[in-house]
Structure formats: C-alpha cells, structure tokens
C-alpha atoms as a PDB file:
ATOM      1  CA  MET A   1       0.041   0.025   0.041  1.00  0.00           C
ATOM      2  CA  HIS A   2       2.898   2.366   0.722  1.00  0.00           C
ATOM      3  CA  LEU A   3       4.439   1.759  -2.628  1.00  0.00           C
ATOM      4  CA  ARG A   4       1.227   2.350  -4.283  1.00  0.00           C
ATOM      5  CA  SER A   5       0.653   5.505  -2.469  1.00  0.00           C
ATOM      6  CA  ILE A   6       4.070   6.746  -3.570  1.00  0.00           C
ATOM      7  CA  ALA A   7       3.461   5.743  -7.108  1.00  0.00           C
ATOM      8  CA  ARG A   8       0.193   7.635  -7.037  1.00  0.00           C
ATOM      9  CA  ILE A   9       1.667  10.842  -5.769  1.00  0.00           C
ATOM     10  CA  ALA A  10       4.441  10.495  -8.377  1.00  0.00           C
ATOM     11  CA  CYS A  11       2.110   9.839 -11.236  1.00  0.00           C
ATOM     12  CA  VAL A  12      -1.111  11.670 -10.787  1.00  0.00           C
ATOM     13  CA  ALA A  13      -1.672  14.732 -12.868  1.00  0.00           C
ATOM     14  CA  LEU A  14      -5.287  15.816 -12.805  1.00  0.00           C
ATOM     15  CA  PHE A  15      -4.726  18.893 -14.990  1.00  0.00           C
ATOM     16  CA  ALA A  16      -1.630  18.003 -16.850  1.00  0.00           C
ATOM     17  CA  ALA A  17      -0.453  20.597 -19.379  1.00  0.00           C
ATOM     18  CA  THR A  18      -0.288  19.738 -23.044  1.00  0.00           C
ATOM     19  CA  PRO A  19       0.990  21.908 -25.853  1.00  0.00           C
ATOM     20  CA  VAL A  20      -2.491  22.195 -27.538  1.00  0.00           C
ATOM     21  CA  LEU A  21      -5.972  22.547 -26.230  1.00  0.00           C
ATOM     22  CA  ALA A  22      -7.955  19.265 -26.047  1.00  0.00           C
ATOM     23  CA  ALA A  23     -10.229  18.462 -29.035  1.00  0.00           C
ATOM     24  CA  ALA A  24     -13.714  19.660 -27.998  1.00  0.00           C
ATOM     25  CA  PRO A  25     -16.942  17.822 -28.441  1.00  0.00           C
ATOM     26  CA  GLY A  26     -18.875  18.984 -31.547  1.00  0.00           C
ATOM     27  CA  ALA A  27     -15.650  19.403 -33.362  1.00  0.00           C
ATOM     28  CA  ALA A  28     -14.323  16.871 -36.037  1.00  0.00           C
ATOM     29  CA  ALA A  29     -12.050  14.203 -34.613  1.00  0.00           C
ATOM     30  CA  PRO A  30      -8.520  14.821 -35.565  1.00  0.00           C
ATOM     31  CA  GLU A  31      -7.462  12.228 -38.165  1.00  0.00           C
ATOM     32  CA  PHE A  32      -4.575   9.891 -37.571  1.00  0.00           C
ATOM     33  CA  THR A  33      -2.758   6.945 -38.902  1.00  0.00           C
ATOM     34  CA  ILE A  34      -0.874   4.972 -36.117  1.00  0.00           C
ATOM     35  CA  ALA A  35       0.850   1.699 -36.223  1.00  0.00           C
ATOM     36  CA  ASP A  36      -0.744  -1.119 -33.982  1.00  0.00           C
ATOM     37  CA  THR A  37       1.350  -3.470 -31.958  1.00  0.00           C
ATOM     38  CA  ALA A  38       2.167  -5.625 -35.063  1.00  0.00           C
ATOM     39  CA  GLY A  39       3.348  -2.426 -36.988  1.00  0.00           C
ATOM     40  CA  ASN A  40       0.213  -2.349 -39.205  1.00  0.00           C
ATOM     41  CA  PRO A  41      -1.276   1.228 -39.990  1.00  0.00           C
ATOM     42  CA  VAL A  42      -4.668   1.981 -38.402  1.00  0.00           C
ATOM     43  CA  ARG A  43      -6.520   4.888 -39.566  1.00  0.00           C
ATOM     44  CA  LEU A  44      -9.332   6.593 -37.788  1.00  0.00           C
ATOM     45  CA  ALA A  45     -10.994   7.298 -41.233  1.00  0.00           C
ATOM     46  CA  ASP A  46     -11.218   3.530 -41.768  1.00  0.00           C
ATOM     47  CA  TYR A  47     -13.992   3.461 -39.140  1.00  0.00           C
ATOM     48  CA  ARG A  48     -16.179   6.202 -40.391  1.00  0.00           C
ATOM     49  CA  GLY A  49     -19.694   5.186 -40.156  1.00  0.00           C
ATOM     50  CA  ARG A  50     -19.163   3.546 -36.677  1.00  0.00           C
ATOM     51  CA  TYR A  51     -18.863   4.779 -33.145  1.00  0.00           C
ATOM     52  CA  VAL A  52     -15.215   4.761 -32.025  1.00  0.00           C
ATOM     53  CA  VAL A  53     -13.783   4.955 -28.466  1.00  0.00           C
ATOM     54  CA  LEU A  54     -10.197   6.215 -28.042  1.00  0.00           C
ATOM     55  CA  GLU A  55      -8.636   5.131 -24.751  1.00  0.00           C
ATOM     56  CA  TRP A  56      -5.272   6.740 -23.909  1.00  0.00           C
ATOM     57  CA  THR A  57      -3.262   4.185 -21.842  1.00  0.00           C
ATOM     58  CA  ASN A  58       0.074   3.434 -20.194  1.00  0.00           C
ATOM     59  CA  PRO A  59       0.773   0.318 -18.372  1.00  0.00           C
ATOM     60  CA  GLU A  60       2.971   1.949 -15.920  1.00  0.00           C
ATOM     61  CA  CYS A  61       0.209   4.286 -14.505  1.00  0.00           C
ATOM     62  CA  PRO A  62      -1.671   3.259 -11.354  1.00  0.00           C
ATOM     63  CA  PHE A  63      -4.913   4.778 -12.545  1.00  0.00           C
ATOM     64  CA  VAL A  64      -4.692   2.710 -15.760  1.00  0.00           C
ATOM     65  CA  GLN A  65      -3.882  -0.359 -13.726  1.00  0.00           C
ATOM     66  CA  LYS A  66      -7.010   0.336 -11.604  1.00  0.00           C
ATOM     67  CA  HIS A  67      -9.206  -0.107 -14.608  1.00  0.00           C
ATOM     68  CA  TYR A  68      -7.446  -3.153 -15.810  1.00  0.00           C
ATOM     69  CA  VAL A  69      -7.081  -4.911 -12.355  1.00  0.00           C
ATOM     70  CA  SER A  70     -10.720  -4.393 -11.816  1.00  0.00           C
ATOM     71  CA  ARG A  71     -11.480  -5.645 -15.286  1.00  0.00           C
ATOM     72  CA  ASN A  72     -13.590  -2.516 -15.780  1.00  0.00           C
ATOM     73  CA  MET A  73     -11.661  -1.486 -18.992  1.00  0.00           C
ATOM     74  CA  GLN A  74     -11.892  -4.939 -20.583  1.00  0.00           C
ATOM     75  CA  ASP A  75     -15.647  -5.337 -19.796  1.00  0.00           C
ATOM     76  CA  LEU A  76     -16.394  -2.054 -21.402  1.00  0.00           C
ATOM     77  CA  GLN A  77     -14.388  -3.083 -24.469  1.00  0.00           C
ATOM     78  CA  LYS A  78     -16.284  -6.319 -24.671  1.00  0.00           C
ATOM     79  CA  GLU A  79     -19.621  -4.859 -23.913  1.00  0.00           C
ATOM     80  CA  TRP A  80     -19.365  -2.186 -26.655  1.00  0.00           C
ATOM     81  CA  GLY A  81     -17.253  -4.275 -29.021  1.00  0.00           C
ATOM     82  CA  ALA A  82     -20.263  -6.651 -29.191  1.00  0.00           C
ATOM     83  CA  LYS A  83     -22.401  -3.683 -30.314  1.00  0.00           C
ATOM     84  CA  ASP A  84     -20.145  -2.869 -33.255  1.00  0.00           C
ATOM     85  CA  VAL A  85     -18.339   0.026 -31.397  1.00  0.00           C
ATOM     86  CA  VAL A  86     -14.585   0.288 -32.393  1.00  0.00           C
ATOM     87  CA  TRP A  87     -12.343   0.543 -29.317  1.00  0.00           C
ATOM     88  CA  LEU A  88      -8.880   1.833 -29.988  1.00  0.00           C
ATOM     89  CA  SER A  89      -6.186   1.919 -27.045  1.00  0.00           C
ATOM     90  CA  ILE A  90      -3.358   4.393 -27.730  1.00  0.00           C
ATOM     91  CA  ASN A  91      -0.170   4.697 -25.928  1.00  0.00           C
ATOM     92  CA  SER A  92       1.334   8.199 -26.697  1.00  0.00           C
ATOM     93  CA  THR A  93       4.307   7.785 -24.419  1.00  0.00           C
ATOM     94  CA  SER A  94       7.281   9.359 -26.337  1.00  0.00           C
ATOM     95  CA  ALA A  95       9.800   6.929 -27.750  1.00  0.00           C
ATOM     96  CA  GLY A  96      12.526   8.474 -25.860  1.00  0.00           C
ATOM     97  CA  HIS A  97      10.801   8.282 -22.466  1.00  0.00           C
ATOM     98  CA  ALA A  98      11.681   5.591 -19.863  1.00  0.00           C
ATOM     99  CA  GLU A  99       8.117   4.325 -19.762  1.00  0.00           C
ATOM    100  CA  PHE A 100       7.864   3.840 -23.615  1.00  0.00           C
ATOM    101  CA  LYS A 101       6.619   0.375 -24.611  1.00  0.00           C
ATOM    102  CA  THR A 102       7.382  -1.314 -27.953  1.00  0.00           C
ATOM    103  CA  GLY A 103       4.625  -2.965 -29.968  1.00  0.00           C
ATOM    104  CA  ASP A 104       5.697  -6.317 -28.581  1.00  0.00           C
ATOM    105  CA  GLN A 105       5.805  -5.107 -24.972  1.00  0.00           C
ATOM    106  CA  MET A 106       2.294  -3.463 -25.245  1.00  0.00           C
ATOM    107  CA  ALA A 107       0.872  -6.536 -26.959  1.00  0.00           C
ATOM    108  CA  ALA A 108       2.100  -8.849 -24.275  1.00  0.00           C
ATOM    109  CA  TRP A 109       0.694  -6.453 -21.526  1.00  0.00           C
ATOM    110  CA  MET A 110      -2.645  -6.327 -23.115  1.00  0.00           C
ATOM    111  CA  ARG A 111      -2.769 -10.068 -23.599  1.00  0.00           C
ATOM    112  CA  ALA A 112      -1.957 -10.542 -20.050  1.00  0.00           C
ATOM    113  CA  GLN A 113      -4.797  -8.216 -18.958  1.00  0.00           C
ATOM    114  CA  GLY A 114      -7.330  -9.906 -21.364  1.00  0.00           C
ATOM    115  CA  GLY A 115      -7.671  -6.580 -23.277  1.00  0.00           C
ATOM    116  CA  ALA A 116     -10.642  -6.828 -25.873  1.00  0.00           C
ATOM    117  CA  GLN A 117     -10.141  -3.569 -27.900  1.00  0.00           C
ATOM    118  CA  LYS A 118     -10.063  -3.653 -31.796  1.00  0.00           C
ATOM    119  CA  ALA A 119      -6.460  -2.590 -31.681  1.00  0.00           C
ATOM    120  CA  THR A 120      -3.718  -1.113 -29.392  1.00  0.00           C
ATOM    121  CA  LEU A 121      -1.749   1.629 -31.135  1.00  0.00           C
ATOM    122  CA  ILE A 122       1.814   2.865 -30.537  1.00  0.00           C
ATOM    123  CA  ASP A 123       1.951   6.675 -30.948  1.00  0.00           C
ATOM    124  CA  GLY A 124       5.723   6.946 -30.270  1.00  0.00           C
ATOM    125  CA  THR A 125       5.947  10.312 -31.798  1.00  0.00           C
ATOM    126  CA  SER A 126       3.120  11.544 -29.636  1.00  0.00           C
ATOM    127  CA  ALA A 127       1.560  13.314 -32.558  1.00  0.00           C
ATOM    128  CA  ALA A 128      -1.965  11.840 -32.156  1.00  0.00           C
ATOM    129  CA  GLY A 129      -1.834  12.465 -28.438  1.00  0.00           C
ATOM    130  CA  ARG A 130      -0.875  16.086 -29.087  1.00  0.00           C
ATOM    131  CA  ALA A 131      -3.598  16.484 -31.846  1.00  0.00           C
ATOM    132  CA  TYR A 132      -6.240  15.441 -29.371  1.00  0.00           C
ATOM    133  CA  GLY A 133      -4.754  17.180 -26.379  1.00  0.00           C
ATOM    134  CA  ALA A 134      -4.781  14.014 -24.392  1.00  0.00           C
ATOM    135  CA  LYS A 135      -3.818  14.966 -20.858  1.00  0.00           C
ATOM    136  CA  THR A 136      -3.976  11.725 -18.743  1.00  0.00           C
ATOM    137  CA  THR A 137      -3.947   8.027 -18.752  1.00  0.00           C
ATOM    138  CA  PRO A 138      -6.702   7.068 -18.977  1.00  0.00           C
ATOM    139  CA  HIS A 139      -8.228   9.952 -21.040  1.00  0.00           C
ATOM    140  CA  MET A 140     -11.264   8.929 -22.983  1.00  0.00           C
ATOM    141  CA  PHE A 141     -12.676  10.279 -26.316  1.00  0.00           C
ATOM    142  CA  VAL A 142     -15.873   9.034 -28.201  1.00  0.00           C
ATOM    143  CA  VAL A 143     -16.200   9.742 -31.891  1.00  0.00           C
ATOM    144  CA  ASP A 144     -19.666   9.364 -33.675  1.00  0.00           C
ATOM    145  CA  PRO A 145     -20.293   7.685 -37.077  1.00  0.00           C
ATOM    146  CA  SER A 146     -19.866  11.139 -38.828  1.00  0.00           C
ATOM    147  CA  GLY A 147     -16.492  11.606 -37.493  1.00  0.00           C
ATOM    148  CA  LYS A 148     -17.429  14.216 -34.845  1.00  0.00           C
ATOM    149  CA  LEU A 149     -16.288  14.034 -31.214  1.00  0.00           C
ATOM    150  CA  ILE A 150     -19.203  13.560 -28.701  1.00  0.00           C
ATOM    151  CA  TYR A 151     -17.228  13.119 -25.672  1.00  0.00           C
ATOM    152  CA  ASN A 152     -13.798  14.215 -24.068  1.00  0.00           C
ATOM    153  CA  GLY A 153     -12.848  13.405 -20.535  1.00  0.00           C
ATOM    154  CA  ALA A 154     -12.578  10.991 -17.619  1.00  0.00           C
ATOM    155  CA  ILE A 155     -13.678   7.350 -17.844  1.00  0.00           C
ATOM    156  CA  ASP A 156     -15.710   7.793 -14.525  1.00  0.00           C
ATOM    157  CA  ASP A 157     -16.459  10.068 -11.468  1.00  0.00           C
ATOM    158  CA  ARG A 158     -14.273   7.989  -8.990  1.00  0.00           C
ATOM    159  CA  ARG A 159     -10.906   9.912  -9.281  1.00  0.00           C
ATOM    160  CA  SER A 160      -8.843   7.470  -7.449  1.00  0.00           C
ATOM    161  CA  ALA A 161      -6.258   4.575  -8.314  1.00  0.00           C
ATOM    162  CA  ASN A 162      -8.153   2.110  -6.122  1.00  0.00           C
ATOM    163  CA  PRO A 163      -9.611  -0.832  -8.218  1.00  0.00           C
ATOM    164  CA  ALA A 164     -12.328  -1.244  -5.759  1.00  0.00           C
ATOM    165  CA  ASP A 165     -13.694   2.184  -6.778  1.00  0.00           C
ATOM    166  CA  ALA A 166     -14.305   1.269 -10.565  1.00  0.00           C
ATOM    167  CA  ARG A 167     -17.513  -0.785 -10.008  1.00  0.00           C
ATOM    168  CA  SER A 168     -19.266   1.763  -7.901  1.00  0.00           C
ATOM    169  CA  ALA A 169     -18.480   4.715 -10.173  1.00  0.00           C
ATOM    170  CA  ASN A 170     -20.695   6.548 -12.583  1.00  0.00           C
ATOM    171  CA  ASN A 171     -19.130   5.555 -15.899  1.00  0.00           C
ATOM    172  CA  TYR A 172     -19.255   8.504 -18.319  1.00  0.00           C
ATOM    173  CA  VAL A 173     -18.092   6.384 -21.380  1.00  0.00           C
ATOM    174  CA  ARG A 174     -20.854   3.845 -20.942  1.00  0.00           C
ATOM    175  CA  ALA A 175     -23.367   6.608 -20.372  1.00  0.00           C
ATOM    176  CA  VAL A 176     -22.315   8.358 -23.637  1.00  0.00           C
ATOM    177  CA  LEU A 177     -22.425   5.255 -25.688  1.00  0.00           C
ATOM    178  CA  ALA A 178     -25.842   4.304 -24.443  1.00  0.00           C
ATOM    179  CA  GLU A 179     -27.290   7.644 -25.116  1.00  0.00           C
ATOM    180  CA  ALA A 180     -25.633   8.116 -28.458  1.00  0.00           C
ATOM    181  CA  THR A 181     -26.313   4.697 -29.854  1.00  0.00           C
ATOM    182  CA  ALA A 182     -30.125   4.987 -28.782  1.00  0.00           C
ATOM    183  CA  GLY A 183     -30.280   8.291 -30.865  1.00  0.00           C
ATOM    184  CA  ARG A 184     -30.500  10.381 -27.672  1.00  0.00           C
ATOM    185  CA  PRO A 185     -28.529  13.578 -27.083  1.00  0.00           C
ATOM    186  CA  VAL A 186     -25.386  13.179 -24.988  1.00  0.00           C
ATOM    187  CA  THR A 187     -26.176  14.471 -21.413  1.00  0.00           C
ATOM    188  CA  VAL A 188     -22.477  14.961 -20.346  1.00  0.00           C
ATOM    189  CA  ALA A 189     -20.019  15.641 -23.253  1.00  0.00           C
ATOM    190  CA  THR A 190     -17.014  16.952 -21.304  1.00  0.00           C
ATOM    191  CA  THR A 191     -15.441  16.211 -17.953  1.00  0.00           C
ATOM    192  CA  THR A 192     -11.950  16.703 -16.462  1.00  0.00           C
ATOM    193  CA  PRO A 193      -9.731  13.521 -17.061  1.00  0.00           C
ATOM    194  CA  TYR A 194      -7.908  12.217 -14.138  1.00  0.00           C
ATOM    195  CA  GLY A 195      -4.876  10.018 -14.059  1.00  0.00           C
ATOM    196  CA  CYS A 196      -0.994  10.081 -14.753  1.00  0.00           C
ATOM    197  CA  SER A 197       0.098  12.733 -17.204  1.00  0.00           C
ATOM    198  CA  VAL A 198       0.760  11.504 -20.783  1.00  0.00           C
ATOM    199  CA  LYS A 199       4.463  11.154 -21.125  1.00  0.00           C
ATOM    200  CA  TYR A 200       5.175  13.325 -24.087  1.00  0.00           C
END
C-alpha cells in the first residue's frame, strides 16, 4: 500500500499541461494513422460510419492499472465491441521516455490483461496525443459515425487509483455510448480527465 501511495503521488496529474487545447465535443475528430502493436497502420478514417472509443493508456500508470485490475476497461471493451463500437487503445508515451513500450511489449501486456479492444496503437511520436490534447492516462474520447467528437474526458467520476472504486463509479463512457447509440442527445459531453500525465 505504501508503494502504491508513492506511485500515485508521483504519477497523478489531474490537470496535466499539453501543448494544445484538448479537442472539443462537436468538433471533427483529428484524423490519424498510427501503427498497431504488429506494425500495421490503423486509420481513424477507416472506421467512419461507426462509433469509436479512443482510450489513452500507459501500463506504468496506477490509474490505468486500476481499470485493468478491476477488469472495468476490458468489460467495457467487450460490452461495446459486441455492439459494433470500435475501441482503440493508444499509448502516446514518447519513444525517448523511460516508460515507452514497444509494440511487442504493449501486445504482451494487453494479452496478460485480457484486453478486448479492436487494436492497441503505438503513438511513439506523440503526434496523435498532441492532436487530441490527451492529458492523462486514461483519457477517453468518443467519436460518432460522422467523425465528430461527442465526448472528451474521464472514464468515470471516481478519481482514485483504487480498483475497488471502479465498480461503484458513474461510468461516463458507458453513459455516452448508451445515449448516442439509442439516438438520444449526450447529457455529459465533457469532464475533467484524471490519472497520470501522458509522457510526451
């Protein structure tokens, strides 16, 4: 517990600064082409016509670990993947940073966690992260079938690194997807993300 507390203090950045403003709901989602863990290019444009969830991630972050240890993230990936929602996990840790993970390393970590996303992407230049203004891991974005952002923010309202908190939280991503896929307006389109700073 002591080591977890130290890691949490060292890693947390609720309002991490980024070079650009975060992409706003209502705006067109910035396009990208990023290699997946096998080196294959993945383009956001390839999924036009479907809902897409973008999950910024970093295995070293206690807040990311919270959502994978609790299986909250994997369950969301499976739940919405079964409803034809595309889930992309993006690691924008700079290739020069000590926490950078290669494609093989990220693939192995996601396999160990039982990740169920469509693809895990290695944004080693951090270009996509900067384009979206991704601030934390996790930081969640939802893109609608027209390519417009409809959500930018936290995964939920329990701003802690405790896995036990994930199940009792109000999950913003689930709520946005439930509303949007049912043809209803999104009630909460923006929240403040919490977690570790993206390692640009």
